[in-house]
Amino acid sequence: MSATESTAPFRVGLSVYGTTYSMGLHPKAGRPPVTARDVMDQAIRFGLAGVELPATMLAGDSHTAPGTRREPGETPDRAEKSADRAREASPEALGEYAAEHGLFVTVDTAGFDPEALGRVCELAVRVGAPVVRTVIGGAKIGGDRRPLAGRWPAFLDDVTAKLHAATELAEQAGVVLAVENHQDLASEELLGLCESIGSAHFGINLDTGNPLATAEEPIDYFRRVAPYVKNVHLKDYWTWLSEEGYRLVRCPLGQGLTDFPALLAMLAEHAPGVSMAIELGALEARHIRVLAADFWPDYPPRTSAQLAQALGVVQANARPAGGDWRTPYERGESVEDIIAYEERQLLQSIAYVRTLQDWHGGRA
């Protein structure tokens, strides 16, 4: 089936992590952080279909009943205004606001502790989000497993046991728990988790930029995980060769190595209507040290053909040698310049999503 034959909606929303400076979420941004409502309003202005919100942004003071707390010296009038703001910021009110504007909501968190994930699932129910995305960690960003050298199998056993328990809580809440390929777990390990847990309430949050971080050819990666995808992060990378492997540097969607039309065709068949969010990469380049001897211990066995396929994609898309791969953040440029860089890449990405929308024939 091609994507153009799909009748499922093409639902693309906004994640906060590609624009952390402009949203005031980066500690060095020096501007007030956005609220969940701000992110929703931004998605509406851009004509996007949803938002992916950190659980920490949704939790806030939401467990304080509106009007029940007054700060010392606060007048009743000011207390009432504070209560109004608290009501507007509650997960239930945010969920109503999202529904009024036709936005889907995905809740974002991290970790694999069952109790913590259970609380986030409850929060997702309150805001009307069907999916909770989480990340496992263990490895450093860039597929670097040296911090757990020799202990990776035991770490994975612990992860598997706890995600089994967390999925039971997700089932009870009626939401889906989606673990991301966050430059830590390889596809073999994510598929192993899906098969071991075996629940419709557990699956994969596919980050489209991350397969090369675990030295995997992206199209082959997409094909194998597609049946388990529950949520998607749209990300693209430029690549630069290095002495130890290659670097992945964020870029606007459609300007890097990711074959989005091929991906959408697979998702149309295996995960029609799946929620997606534009999540441009971090402000720091990711160095994938696949030519270093200490990169590979603890990785699943790979054939030379598999590695050659991955390196072939890197070589075919590599930027000219000698170019400056650093982002404005890495070059120490001003806050204003970094914000302009983020916002320019976001607008270019939204424009590219429009072209995918036209090709797909559905709503972005």
Protein backbone atom coordinates (compact mmCIF):
# COMPACT_ATOMS: atom_id res chain seq x y z
CA MET A 1 0.00 0.00 0.00
CA SER A 2 1.32 3.48 -0.80
CA ALA A 3 0.74 6.41 1.52
CA THR A 4 -1.46 8.06 -1.09
CA GLU A 5 -3.84 5.09 -0.90
CA SER A 6 -4.28 5.48 2.86
CA THR A 7 -7.49 7.00 4.17
CA ALA A 8 -6.07 7.40 7.68
CA PRO A 9 -5.38 10.98 8.80
CA PHE A 10 -1.84 12.29 8.63
CA ARG A 11 -1.51 13.67 12.15
CA VAL A 12 1.56 15.78 12.87
CA GLY A 13 1.95 17.77 16.06
CA LEU A 14 4.58 19.79 17.88
CA SER A 15 7.12 18.57 20.44
CA VAL A 16 8.93 21.03 22.70
CA TYR A 17 12.39 19.51 22.41
CA GLY A 18 13.49 20.96 19.06
CA THR A 19 13.02 24.55 20.22
CA THR A 20 14.15 24.58 23.82
CA TYR A 21 15.76 28.03 23.59
CA SER A 22 12.81 29.75 21.96
CA MET A 23 10.42 28.06 24.38
CA GLY A 24 12.49 29.07 27.42
CA LEU A 25 13.07 25.45 28.44
CA HIS A 26 16.85 25.49 28.11
CA PRO A 27 18.54 26.71 31.30
CA LYS A 28 20.67 29.15 29.29
CA ALA A 29 17.76 30.63 27.31
CA GLY A 30 17.10 33.41 29.83
CA ARG A 31 13.41 33.73 29.01
CA PRO A 32 10.26 32.50 30.78
CA PRO A 33 9.36 28.91 29.99
CA VAL A 34 6.28 28.24 27.92
CA THR A 35 3.27 26.56 29.47
CA ALA A 36 1.34 23.61 28.10
CA ARG A 37 -1.33 26.04 26.91
CA ASP A 38 1.35 28.11 25.10
CA VAL A 39 2.53 25.01 23.24
CA MET A 40 -1.04 24.21 22.23
CA ASP A 41 -1.57 27.76 20.98
CA GLN A 42 1.64 27.55 18.97
CA ALA A 43 0.51 24.29 17.37
CA ILE A 44 -2.83 25.89 16.50
CA ARG A 45 -1.10 28.90 14.90
CA PHE A 46 1.03 26.55 12.80
CA GLY A 47 -1.99 24.51 11.75
CA LEU A 48 -0.62 21.36 13.36
CA ALA A 49 -2.80 18.55 14.63
CA GLY A 50 -1.51 18.01 18.15
CA VAL A 51 1.14 18.47 20.83
CA GLU A 52 3.56 16.30 22.75
CA LEU A 53 3.92 17.67 26.27
CA PRO A 54 6.35 16.76 29.06
CA ALA A 55 4.61 15.22 32.05
CA THR A 56 6.43 17.71 34.26
CA MET A 57 4.78 20.56 32.34
CA LEU A 58 1.35 19.01 32.88
CA ALA A 59 1.79 18.09 36.53
CA GLY A 60 2.65 21.52 37.96
CA ASP A 61 0.28 22.42 40.75
CA SER A 62 -2.50 20.37 39.26
CA HIS A 63 -3.02 18.35 42.41
CA THR A 64 -3.80 21.49 44.40
CA ALA A 65 -7.53 22.07 44.35
CA PRO A 66 -8.26 25.51 42.86
CA GLY A 67 -9.06 28.13 45.49
CA THR A 68 -7.84 26.09 48.43
CA ARG A 69 -4.42 27.67 48.83
CA ARG A 70 -3.61 31.32 49.50
CA GLU A 71 -0.09 32.68 49.77
CA PRO A 72 0.77 34.77 52.89
CA GLY A 73 -0.49 38.34 52.41
CA GLU A 74 -2.39 37.48 49.25
CA THR A 75 -5.75 39.24 48.87
CA PRO A 76 -8.93 37.25 48.11
CA ASP A 77 -9.11 38.88 44.66
CA ARG A 78 -5.57 37.87 43.76
CA ALA A 79 -6.15 34.44 45.23
CA GLU A 80 -9.20 34.00 43.00
CA LYS A 81 -7.18 35.00 39.93
CA SER A 82 -4.53 32.51 40.93
CA ALA A 83 -7.23 29.89 41.28
CA ASP A 84 -8.49 30.73 37.77
CA ARG A 85 -5.00 30.24 36.38
CA ALA A 86 -4.71 26.95 38.26
CA ARG A 87 -7.99 25.76 36.78
CA GLU A 88 -6.83 26.67 33.25
CA ALA A 89 -3.57 24.79 33.81
CA SER A 90 -5.13 21.62 35.18
CA PRO A 91 -4.75 18.53 32.99
CA GLU A 92 -8.53 18.28 32.67
CA ALA A 93 -8.85 21.89 31.44
CA LEU A 94 -5.93 21.44 29.06
CA GLY A 95 -7.54 18.30 27.72
CA GLU A 96 -10.79 20.18 27.13
CA TYR A 97 -8.89 22.98 25.38
CA ALA A 98 -7.12 20.45 23.16
CA ALA A 99 -10.42 18.78 22.29
CA GLU A 100 -12.05 22.12 21.47
CA HIS A 101 -9.29 22.79 18.94
CA GLY A 102 -9.05 19.27 17.57
CA LEU A 103 -5.58 18.64 18.98
CA PHE A 104 -4.27 15.25 20.00
CA VAL A 105 -2.06 15.13 23.08
CA THR A 106 0.85 12.80 23.77
CA VAL A 107 2.55 12.80 27.19
CA ASP A 108 6.30 12.65 27.36
CA THR A 109 8.37 11.25 30.22
CA ALA A 110 11.55 9.27 30.93
CA GLY A 111 12.54 6.15 32.83
CA PHE A 112 11.15 2.66 33.36
CA ASP A 113 10.15 2.63 37.03
CA PRO A 114 6.63 1.11 37.13
CA GLU A 115 5.27 3.35 39.89
CA ALA A 116 6.51 6.53 38.21
CA LEU A 117 5.18 5.43 34.82
CA GLY A 118 1.88 4.51 36.44
CA ARG A 119 1.53 8.06 37.75
CA VAL A 120 2.25 9.45 34.30
CA CYS A 121 -0.37 7.12 32.81
CA GLU A 122 -2.91 8.55 35.27
CA LEU A 123 -1.87 12.05 34.19
CA ALA A 124 -2.33 11.04 30.54
CA VAL A 125 -5.88 9.90 31.31
CA ARG A 126 -6.64 13.26 32.92
CA VAL A 127 -5.45 15.23 29.87
CA GLY A 128 -6.99 12.81 27.38
CA ALA A 129 -3.71 11.51 25.94
CA PRO A 130 -3.78 7.96 24.57
CA VAL A 131 0.00 7.54 24.45
CA VAL A 132 2.81 7.97 26.99
CA ARG A 133 6.29 8.12 25.49
CA THR A 134 9.28 7.19 27.62
CA VAL A 135 13.01 6.61 27.19
CA ILE A 136 15.20 3.99 28.86
CA GLY A 137 18.73 5.41 28.86
CA GLY A 138 21.64 3.38 30.15
CA ALA A 139 23.74 4.37 27.17
CA LYS A 140 24.99 7.86 26.54
CA ILE A 141 23.42 9.72 23.63
CA GLY A 142 25.09 8.51 20.45
CA GLY A 143 24.77 4.79 21.21
CA ASP A 144 27.69 4.91 23.64
CA ARG A 145 27.36 1.95 26.03
CA ARG A 146 30.66 2.42 27.82
CA PRO A 147 28.95 3.57 31.07
CA LEU A 148 27.44 0.07 31.42
CA ALA A 149 30.27 -1.92 29.84
CA GLY A 150 29.86 -5.59 30.78
CA ARG A 151 26.61 -4.89 32.62
CA TRP A 152 24.30 -4.21 29.67
CA PRO A 153 22.54 -7.63 29.69
CA ALA A 154 21.68 -7.32 33.39
CA PHE A 155 20.48 -3.78 32.77
CA LEU A 156 18.19 -4.99 29.98
CA ASP A 157 16.80 -7.76 32.19
CA ASP A 158 15.87 -5.15 34.81
CA VAL A 159 14.32 -2.90 32.14
CA THR A 160 12.25 -5.78 30.76
CA ALA A 161 10.88 -6.81 34.16
CA LYS A 162 9.92 -3.28 35.09
CA LEU A 163 8.34 -2.50 31.72
CA HIS A 164 6.21 -5.64 32.09
CA ALA A 165 4.86 -4.19 35.35
CA ALA A 166 4.48 -0.70 33.89
CA THR A 167 2.51 -2.06 30.94
CA GLU A 168 0.02 -3.68 33.30
CA LEU A 169 -0.59 -0.22 34.79
CA ALA A 170 -0.92 1.26 31.28
CA GLU A 171 -3.49 -1.41 30.42
CA GLN A 172 -5.48 -0.58 33.56
CA ALA A 173 -5.38 3.13 32.66
CA GLY A 174 -6.30 2.43 29.04
CA VAL A 175 -3.25 4.14 27.55
CA VAL A 176 -0.31 2.94 25.46
CA LEU A 177 3.27 2.99 26.71
CA ALA A 178 5.75 3.71 23.88
CA VAL A 179 9.52 3.30 24.40
CA GLU A 180 11.69 5.41 22.14
CA ASN A 181 14.81 4.47 20.19
CA HIS A 182 16.58 7.26 22.05
CA GLN A 183 20.08 6.48 20.76
CA ASP A 184 20.29 3.82 23.48
CA LEU A 185 18.36 0.62 22.63
CA ALA A 186 19.01 -1.02 19.27
CA SER A 187 16.12 -2.27 17.13
CA GLU A 188 16.80 -5.89 18.10
CA GLU A 189 16.34 -4.95 21.76
CA LEU A 190 13.20 -2.90 21.18
CA LEU A 191 11.65 -5.71 19.16
CA GLY A 192 12.62 -8.14 21.91
CA LEU A 193 10.78 -5.99 24.45
CA CYS A 194 7.67 -5.82 22.25
CA GLU A 195 7.61 -9.58 21.74
CA SER A 196 8.32 -10.34 25.40
CA ILE A 197 5.66 -8.01 26.76
CA GLY A 198 3.18 -8.88 24.03
CA SER A 199 0.57 -6.23 24.80
CA ALA A 200 -1.40 -3.88 22.57
CA HIS A 201 -0.67 -1.29 25.25
CA PHE A 202 3.09 -1.42 24.68
CA GLY A 203 5.12 -0.45 21.63
CA ILE A 204 7.73 1.80 20.09
CA ASN A 205 8.08 5.55 19.83
CA LEU A 206 9.97 5.75 16.55
CA ASP A 207 12.43 8.63 16.30
CA THR A 208 13.14 8.84 12.59
CA GLY A 209 16.60 10.36 13.03
CA ASN A 210 17.98 7.86 15.50
CA PRO A 211 18.60 4.52 13.69
CA LEU A 212 22.11 5.57 12.65
CA ALA A 213 22.93 6.32 16.30
CA THR A 214 22.88 2.56 16.88
CA ALA A 215 24.58 1.96 13.51
CA GLU A 216 21.45 0.74 11.70
CA GLU A 217 20.34 1.46 8.14
CA PRO A 218 17.21 3.62 8.50
CA ILE A 219 14.89 2.06 5.90
CA ASP A 220 15.63 -1.48 7.10
CA TYR A 221 15.09 -0.23 10.65
CA PHE A 222 11.72 1.37 9.79
CA ARG A 223 10.55 -1.80 8.02
CA ARG A 224 11.28 -4.07 10.98
CA VAL A 225 9.81 -1.90 13.75
CA ALA A 226 6.79 -0.53 11.81
CA PRO A 227 4.28 -3.12 13.16
CA TYR A 228 5.02 -1.98 16.71
CA VAL A 229 5.07 1.81 16.23
CA LYS A 230 2.69 3.72 18.51
CA ASN A 231 4.04 7.28 18.13
CA VAL A 232 6.59 8.98 15.86
CA HIS A 233 9.13 11.77 16.29
CA LEU A 234 9.92 13.39 12.96
CA LYS A 235 13.62 14.22 12.94
CA ASP A 236 16.28 14.53 10.26
CA TYR A 237 20.07 14.75 10.35
CA TRP A 238 22.98 15.97 8.31
CA THR A 239 26.06 13.75 8.62
CA TRP A 240 29.76 14.51 8.84
CA LEU A 241 32.47 11.85 8.73
CA SER A 242 34.95 11.69 11.61
CA GLU A 243 38.06 9.65 12.41
CA GLU A 244 36.01 7.44 14.76
CA GLY A 245 32.81 7.24 12.69
CA TYR A 246 30.40 10.06 11.96
CA ARG A 247 28.48 12.94 13.47
CA LEU A 248 24.74 13.53 13.27
CA VAL A 249 23.74 17.19 13.25
CA ARG A 250 20.16 18.44 13.37
CA CYS A 251 18.64 19.90 10.23
CA PRO A 252 15.17 20.85 8.95
CA LEU A 253 12.96 17.93 7.98
CA GLY A 254 13.45 16.92 4.37
CA GLN A 255 16.99 18.31 4.11
CA GLY A 256 18.86 15.37 5.63
CA LEU A 257 19.16 11.63 5.13
CA THR A 258 15.70 10.45 6.20
CA ASP A 259 13.46 9.06 3.45
CA PHE A 260 10.15 10.31 4.80
CA PRO A 261 7.96 9.20 1.86
CA ALA A 262 9.24 5.63 2.26
CA LEU A 263 8.61 5.79 6.00
CA LEU A 264 5.07 7.11 5.57
CA ALA A 265 4.26 4.32 3.13
CA MET A 266 5.30 1.74 5.75
CA LEU A 267 3.34 3.47 8.50
CA ALA A 268 0.26 3.71 6.28
CA GLU A 269 0.29 -0.08 6.12
CA HIS A 270 1.33 -0.97 9.66
CA ALA A 271 0.31 2.01 11.84
CA PRO A 272 -2.31 4.03 9.95
CA GLY A 273 -3.20 7.32 11.62
CA VAL A 274 -0.37 7.08 14.15
CA SER A 275 0.38 10.32 15.98
CA MET A 276 3.58 12.15 15.02
CA ALA A 277 5.40 15.19 16.34
CA ILE A 278 8.05 17.43 14.85
CA GLU A 279 11.00 17.03 17.19
CA LEU A 280 14.13 18.49 15.69
CA GLY A 281 17.40 17.27 17.14
CA ALA A 282 19.35 18.58 20.09
CA LEU A 283 21.64 21.57 19.89
CA GLU A 284 24.69 19.33 20.32
CA ALA A 285 25.89 17.09 17.47
CA ARG A 286 25.83 13.36 18.15
CA HIS A 287 29.14 11.58 17.62
CA ILE A 288 28.63 7.93 16.62
CA ARG A 289 31.96 6.18 17.19
CA VAL A 290 31.33 3.02 15.17
CA LEU A 291 35.00 2.72 14.16
CA ALA A 292 36.15 2.71 17.80
CA ALA A 293 36.88 -0.69 19.34
CA ASP A 294 34.96 0.09 22.54
CA PHE A 295 31.74 1.00 20.71
CA TRP A 296 30.56 -2.51 19.93
CA PRO A 297 30.79 -4.67 23.10
CA ASP A 298 27.28 -5.36 24.46
CA TYR A 299 25.63 -4.63 21.09
CA PRO A 300 23.51 -7.35 19.44
CA PRO A 301 25.46 -9.33 16.81
CA ARG A 302 25.48 -7.66 13.39
CA THR A 303 26.70 -8.87 10.04
CA SER A 304 29.26 -7.00 8.00
CA ALA A 305 26.54 -6.46 5.39
CA GLN A 306 24.36 -4.68 7.95
CA LEU A 307 27.21 -2.37 8.98
CA ALA A 308 28.06 -1.72 5.34
CA GLN A 309 24.45 -0.69 4.65
CA ALA A 310 24.48 1.77 7.53
CA LEU A 311 27.85 3.24 6.55
CA GLY A 312 26.66 3.45 2.96
CA VAL A 313 23.83 5.79 4.01
CA VAL A 314 26.30 7.91 5.97
CA GLN A 315 28.74 8.09 3.04
CA ALA A 316 26.01 8.89 0.52
CA ASN A 317 24.72 11.78 2.63
CA ALA A 318 27.99 13.07 4.14
CA ARG A 319 28.54 16.80 4.06
CA PRO A 320 31.75 18.10 2.44
CA ALA A 321 34.90 17.38 4.44
CA GLY A 322 36.34 20.36 6.27
CA GLY A 323 32.96 22.03 6.80
CA ASP A 324 31.92 23.32 10.20
CA TRP A 325 29.50 20.77 11.65
CA ARG A 326 28.85 22.74 14.83
CA THR A 327 25.47 24.26 15.61
CA PRO A 328 25.21 27.92 16.71
CA TYR A 329 24.96 26.62 20.29
CA GLU A 330 28.25 24.76 19.93
CA ARG A 331 29.87 27.81 18.35
CA GLY A 332 28.89 29.89 21.38
CA GLU A 333 26.66 32.26 19.43
CA SER A 334 24.16 34.58 21.12
CA VAL A 335 20.84 33.51 22.57
CA GLU A 336 19.08 35.51 19.86
CA ASP A 337 21.00 33.71 17.13
CA ILE A 338 20.24 30.29 18.62
CA ILE A 339 16.54 31.12 18.88
CA ALA A 340 16.51 32.33 15.27
CA TYR A 341 18.25 29.08 14.21
CA GLU A 342 15.67 26.96 16.02
CA GLU A 343 12.70 28.88 14.70
CA ARG A 344 14.03 28.92 11.13
CA GLN A 345 14.48 25.15 11.18
CA LEU A 346 11.02 24.64 12.69
CA LEU A 347 9.32 26.77 10.01
CA GLN A 348 11.25 24.99 7.25
CA SER A 349 10.19 21.66 8.74
CA ILE A 350 6.53 22.65 8.90
CA ALA A 351 6.74 23.72 5.25
CA TYR A 352 8.18 20.30 4.38
CA VAL A 353 5.42 18.56 6.35
CA ARG A 354 2.95 20.45 4.14
CA THR A 355 4.52 18.84 1.07
CA LEU A 356 4.17 15.43 2.72
CA GLN A 357 0.58 16.29 3.54
CA ASP A 358 -0.11 17.06 -0.12
CA TRP A 359 1.56 13.80 -1.16
CA HIS A 360 -0.32 11.88 1.51
CA GLY A 361 -3.64 13.59 0.84
CA GLY A 362 -4.50 13.97 4.51
CA ARG A 363 -4.45 16.50 7.26
CA ALA A 364 -1.14 17.54 8.85
